């Protein structure tokens, strides 16, 4: 799922919810930032825009920039990643938190 996350200078920023649905009752949500500033890194997952994900430009899930935000501050979801893209995010998360 992708959401709008407040960013620098008040500019809305896309983010990917990475928190388990089992934690849906919590007041906060764990997110990865999404950026159109593309860089080569094993912990960044490139995503091309599609009607399903709602992105407007080639972007990357910036797995090394995890955030927690109050659920009440999130905008409505505007898309979701394909299963293969989410598997790539999962692998990058394992790398970032030192589990592989």
C-alpha atoms as a PDB file:
ATOM      1  CA  UNK A   1       0.000   0.000   0.000  1.00  0.00           C
ATOM      2  CA  UNK A   2       1.263   3.494  -0.673  1.00  0.00           C
ATOM      3  CA  UNK A   3       0.310   6.603   1.295  1.00  0.00           C
ATOM      4  CA  UNK A   4       1.171  10.282   1.414  1.00  0.00           C
ATOM      5  CA  UNK A   5       3.801  11.091   4.045  1.00  0.00           C
ATOM      6  CA  UNK A   6       4.677  14.624   5.150  1.00  0.00           C
ATOM      7  CA  UNK A   7       8.149  15.498   3.907  1.00  0.00           C
ATOM      8  CA  UNK A   8      10.627  18.328   3.930  1.00  0.00           C
ATOM      9  CA  UNK A   9       9.148  21.792   3.496  1.00  0.00           C
ATOM     10  CA  UNK A  10       5.587  20.452   3.793  1.00  0.00           C
ATOM     11  CA  UNK A  11       5.752  18.641   0.443  1.00  0.00           C
ATOM     12  CA  UNK A  12       3.742  15.402   0.547  1.00  0.00           C
ATOM     13  CA  UNK A  13       5.889  12.327   0.062  1.00  0.00           C
ATOM     14  CA  UNK A  14       4.927   8.850  -0.973  1.00  0.00           C
ATOM     15  CA  UNK A  15       5.610   5.983   1.400  1.00  0.00           C
ATOM     16  CA  UNK A  16       5.098   2.243   1.495  1.00  0.00           C
ATOM     17  CA  UNK A  17       3.430   0.668   4.520  1.00  0.00           C
ATOM     18  CA  UNK A  18       5.579  -2.287   5.584  1.00  0.00           C
ATOM     19  CA  UNK A  19       3.828  -3.111   8.845  1.00  0.00           C
ATOM     20  CA  UNK A  20       2.005  -6.418   9.205  1.00  0.00           C
ATOM     21  CA  UNK A  21      -1.780  -6.379   8.947  1.00  0.00           C
ATOM     22  CA  UNK A  22      -1.721  -8.160  12.329  1.00  0.00           C
ATOM     23  CA  UNK A  23      -0.831  -4.777  13.860  1.00  0.00           C
ATOM     24  CA  UNK A  24      -3.778  -2.920  12.309  1.00  0.00           C
ATOM     25  CA  UNK A  25      -5.134  -1.919  15.737  1.00  0.00           C
ATOM     26  CA  UNK A  26      -2.018   0.091  16.633  1.00  0.00           C
ATOM     27  CA  UNK A  27      -2.141   3.871  16.435  1.00  0.00           C
ATOM     28  CA  UNK A  28       1.078   4.002  14.439  1.00  0.00           C
ATOM     29  CA  UNK A  29       2.315   2.588  11.129  1.00  0.00           C
ATOM     30  CA  UNK A  30       5.838   1.620  10.005  1.00  0.00           C
ATOM     31  CA  UNK A  31       6.736   2.988   6.559  1.00  0.00           C
ATOM     32  CA  UNK A  32       9.513   3.171   3.981  1.00  0.00           C
ATOM     33  CA  UNK A  33       9.937   6.416   2.085  1.00  0.00           C
ATOM     34  CA  UNK A  34       9.472   6.383  -1.698  1.00  0.00           C
ATOM     35  CA  UNK A  35      11.645   8.673  -3.833  1.00  0.00           C
ATOM     36  CA  UNK A  36      11.937   9.580  -7.503  1.00  0.00           C
ATOM     37  CA  UNK A  37      15.648  10.347  -6.889  1.00  0.00           C
ATOM     38  CA  UNK A  38      16.985   7.037  -8.224  1.00  0.00           C
ATOM     39  CA  UNK A  39      20.246   5.625  -6.839  1.00  0.00           C
ATOM     40  CA  UNK A  40      22.063   2.325  -7.184  1.00  0.00           C
ATOM     41  CA  UNK A  41      21.917   0.438  -3.882  1.00  0.00           C
ATOM     42  CA  UNK A  42      21.010  -3.101  -2.809  1.00  0.00           C
ATOM     43  CA  UNK A  43      18.551  -1.730  -0.268  1.00  0.00           C
ATOM     44  CA  UNK A  44      16.519   0.369  -2.733  1.00  0.00           C
ATOM     45  CA  UNK A  45      13.786  -1.239  -4.818  1.00  0.00           C
ATOM     46  CA  UNK A  46      12.991   0.402  -8.140  1.00  0.00           C
ATOM     47  CA  UNK A  47       9.320   0.588  -9.117  1.00  0.00           C
ATOM     48  CA  UNK A  48       7.993   1.757 -12.468  1.00  0.00           C
ATOM     49  CA  UNK A  49       4.714   3.712 -12.451  1.00  0.00           C
ATOM     50  CA  UNK A  50       1.533   1.768 -13.156  1.00  0.00           C
ATOM     51  CA  UNK A  51      -2.200   2.205 -12.606  1.00  0.00           C
ATOM     52  CA  UNK A  52      -1.958  -0.334  -9.762  1.00  0.00           C
ATOM     53  CA  UNK A  53       0.695   1.460  -7.729  1.00  0.00           C
ATOM     54  CA  UNK A  54      -0.427   5.035  -8.435  1.00  0.00           C
ATOM     55  CA  UNK A  55       3.101   6.364  -8.941  1.00  0.00           C
ATOM     56  CA  UNK A  56       3.653   9.084 -11.562  1.00  0.00           C
ATOM     57  CA  UNK A  57       7.385   8.513 -12.183  1.00  0.00           C
ATOM     58  CA  UNK A  58      10.020   5.819 -11.841  1.00  0.00           C
ATOM     59  CA  UNK A  59      10.660   5.619  -8.116  1.00  0.00           C
ATOM     60  CA  UNK A  60      12.456   3.663  -5.457  1.00  0.00           C
ATOM     61  CA  UNK A  61      11.316   2.290  -2.134  1.00  0.00           C
ATOM     62  CA  UNK A  62      14.025   3.664   0.133  1.00  0.00           C
ATOM     63  CA  UNK A  63      14.214   0.766   2.549  1.00  0.00           C
ATOM     64  CA  UNK A  64      17.048   2.406   4.509  1.00  0.00           C
ATOM     65  CA  UNK A  65      14.675   5.238   5.492  1.00  0.00           C
ATOM     66  CA  UNK A  66      12.178   3.629   7.838  1.00  0.00           C
ATOM     67  CA  UNK A  67       9.677   5.850   9.631  1.00  0.00           C
ATOM     68  CA  UNK A  68       6.867   5.436  12.102  1.00  0.00           C
ATOM     69  CA  UNK A  69       3.929   7.769  11.795  1.00  0.00           C
ATOM     70  CA  UNK A  70       0.641   8.140  13.625  1.00  0.00           C
ATOM     71  CA  UNK A  71      -2.052   6.352  11.635  1.00  0.00           C
ATOM     72  CA  UNK A  72      -4.240   9.471  11.896  1.00  0.00           C
ATOM     73  CA  UNK A  73      -1.661  11.461   9.899  1.00  0.00           C
ATOM     74  CA  UNK A  74      -1.785   9.178   6.861  1.00  0.00           C
ATOM     75  CA  UNK A  75      -3.740  10.056   3.771  1.00  0.00           C
ATOM     76  CA  UNK A  76      -5.855   7.484   1.980  1.00  0.00           C
ATOM     77  CA  UNK A  77      -3.905   4.763   0.140  1.00  0.00           C
ATOM     78  CA  UNK A  78      -3.451   5.423  -3.565  1.00  0.00           C
ATOM     79  CA  UNK A  79      -1.923   2.144  -4.739  1.00  0.00           C
ATOM     80  CA  UNK A  80      -0.131  -1.063  -3.905  1.00  0.00           C
ATOM     81  CA  UNK A  81       2.943  -2.904  -5.102  1.00  0.00           C
ATOM     82  CA  UNK A  82       2.911  -6.196  -6.976  1.00  0.00           C
ATOM     83  CA  UNK A  83       3.849  -9.348  -5.040  1.00  0.00           C
ATOM     84  CA  UNK A  84       7.284  -9.611  -6.697  1.00  0.00           C
ATOM     85  CA  UNK A  85       8.072  -5.999  -5.788  1.00  0.00           C
ATOM     86  CA  UNK A  86       7.042  -6.637  -2.183  1.00  0.00           C
ATOM     87  CA  UNK A  87       9.328  -9.694  -2.070  1.00  0.00           C
ATOM     88  CA  UNK A  88      12.194  -7.447  -3.179  1.00  0.00           C
ATOM     89  CA  UNK A  89      11.285  -4.966  -0.419  1.00  0.00           C
ATOM     90  CA  UNK A  90      11.200  -7.817   2.120  1.00  0.00           C
ATOM     91  CA  UNK A  91      14.696  -8.934   1.064  1.00  0.00           C
ATOM     92  CA  UNK A  92      16.026  -5.373   1.268  1.00  0.00           C
ATOM     93  CA  UNK A  93      14.515  -5.017   4.757  1.00  0.00           C
ATOM     94  CA  UNK A  94      16.376  -8.132   5.890  1.00  0.00           C
ATOM     95  CA  UNK A  95      19.599  -6.579   4.591  1.00  0.00           C
ATOM     96  CA  UNK A  96      18.982  -3.184   6.212  1.00  0.00           C
ATOM     97  CA  UNK A  97      18.191  -4.598   9.671  1.00  0.00           C
ATOM     98  CA  UNK A  98      21.123  -7.024   9.499  1.00  0.00           C
ATOM     99  CA  UNK A  99      19.247 -10.318   9.342  1.00  0.00           C
ATOM    100  CA  UNK A 100      21.136 -11.483   6.236  1.00  0.00           C
END
